Protein backbone atom coordinates (compact mmCIF):
# COMPACT_ATOMS: atom_id res chain seq x y z
CA MET A 1 0.03 0.27 0.11
CA ASP A 2 1.09 3.33 -0.68
CA SER A 3 2.79 5.34 2.07
CA ARG A 4 0.43 8.38 1.44
CA ILE A 5 -2.57 6.09 2.31
CA ASN A 6 -3.72 6.64 6.31
CA LYS A 7 -5.51 4.20 7.91
CA LEU A 8 -8.42 6.12 10.02
CA MET A 9 -9.86 3.78 12.82
CA GLY A 10 -13.32 3.35 13.06
CA SER A 11 -16.66 3.94 11.06
CA ASN A 12 -19.89 2.86 9.78
CA MET A 13 -20.96 3.15 6.28
CA ASP A 14 -22.21 6.83 6.93
CA ILE A 15 -18.36 7.40 7.58
CA ASP A 16 -18.50 10.63 9.42
CA PHE A 17 -16.48 9.32 12.58
CA SER A 18 -18.38 11.18 14.73
CA ASN A 19 -19.64 7.66 17.09
CA ALA A 20 -17.11 7.18 18.94
CA ASP A 21 -18.36 3.20 19.29
CA PHE A 22 -16.92 2.88 15.91
CA GLY A 23 -13.61 4.78 16.35
CA ASN A 24 -13.14 8.58 16.85
CA THR A 25 -10.42 9.56 14.04
CA ALA A 26 -10.91 12.89 12.87
CA CYS A 27 -11.05 13.32 8.92
CA PRO A 28 -8.29 15.08 8.21
CA TRP A 29 -10.06 17.03 4.93
CA ASN A 30 -12.85 18.38 7.63
CA VAL A 31 -9.66 19.18 10.29
CA ALA A 32 -7.67 21.22 7.36
CA ASP A 33 -11.30 22.98 6.58
CA ASN A 34 -12.32 23.40 10.06
CA THR A 35 -15.77 22.04 9.48
CA SER A 36 -17.65 18.68 9.51
CA GLU A 37 -19.05 18.48 6.11
CA HIS A 38 -16.99 16.13 4.57
CA LYS A 39 -17.65 12.75 4.34
CA CYS A 40 -16.20 9.61 2.78
CA ALA A 41 -18.92 7.80 1.36
CA VAL A 42 -22.65 7.90 1.86
CA LYS A 43 -25.30 5.73 0.55
CA ASN A 44 -26.52 7.69 -3.18
CA THR A 45 -23.74 10.38 -2.75
CA SER A 46 -20.54 10.36 -4.29
CA ILE A 47 -17.32 8.91 -2.92
CA CYS A 48 -14.71 11.30 -1.50
CA PRO A 49 -12.09 12.48 -3.89
CA TYR A 50 -9.49 10.85 -1.24
CA PHE A 51 -11.42 7.57 -0.11
CA CYS A 52 -9.06 4.95 -1.03
CA GLY A 53 -11.56 2.07 0.53
CA ILE A 54 -12.52 0.10 3.57
CA GLN A 55 -10.10 -2.34 5.56
CA TYR A 56 -11.22 -5.11 7.69
CA LEU A 57 -13.03 -4.73 9.89
CA ASP A 58 -14.05 -1.01 9.36
CA SER A 59 -10.95 0.77 9.11
CA VAL A 60 -11.12 3.81 6.39
CA LEU A 61 -8.62 4.42 4.15
CA CYS A 62 -7.61 7.78 3.32
CA SER A 63 -4.86 9.85 1.10
CA TYR A 64 -5.87 13.21 2.24
CA PRO A 65 -4.47 15.27 0.32
CA HIS A 66 -3.63 13.15 -2.34
CA GLU A 67 -6.28 12.45 -4.34
CA ASN A 68 -6.60 8.75 -4.35
CA LEU A 69 -6.40 7.93 -8.27
CA SER A 70 -3.02 8.99 -7.70
CA VAL A 71 -2.02 7.01 -5.01
CA LEU A 72 -3.64 3.71 -6.25
CA ASP A 73 -2.38 1.39 -8.99
CA ARG A 74 -4.31 0.29 -11.42
CA SER A 75 -4.59 -3.18 -9.93
CA GLU A 76 -6.33 -1.76 -6.49
CA ILE A 77 -9.00 -0.22 -8.49
CA ASP A 78 -12.22 -2.45 -9.06
CA ARG A 79 -14.04 -0.78 -11.79
CA ASP A 80 -13.34 1.95 -14.56
CA MET A 81 -14.04 5.32 -13.33
CA LYS A 82 -15.37 7.98 -15.39
């Protein structure tokens, strides 16, 4: 895995890091922008440009401030991106 990808501990698939039962790692993009508006992935919503996936059990792989397509190899992407 690229060293620019970080594991953020805990989330649910709302992935907003606000539920301490699932972990409490702050979104680095939210920290940089001093907001809480950024989400990794939400149903029927686009995925964050820094979201690189989920690692078992439920750590979010985040490449902030490097866009995901700039740090992932083609073999790590499971479909064509538009």
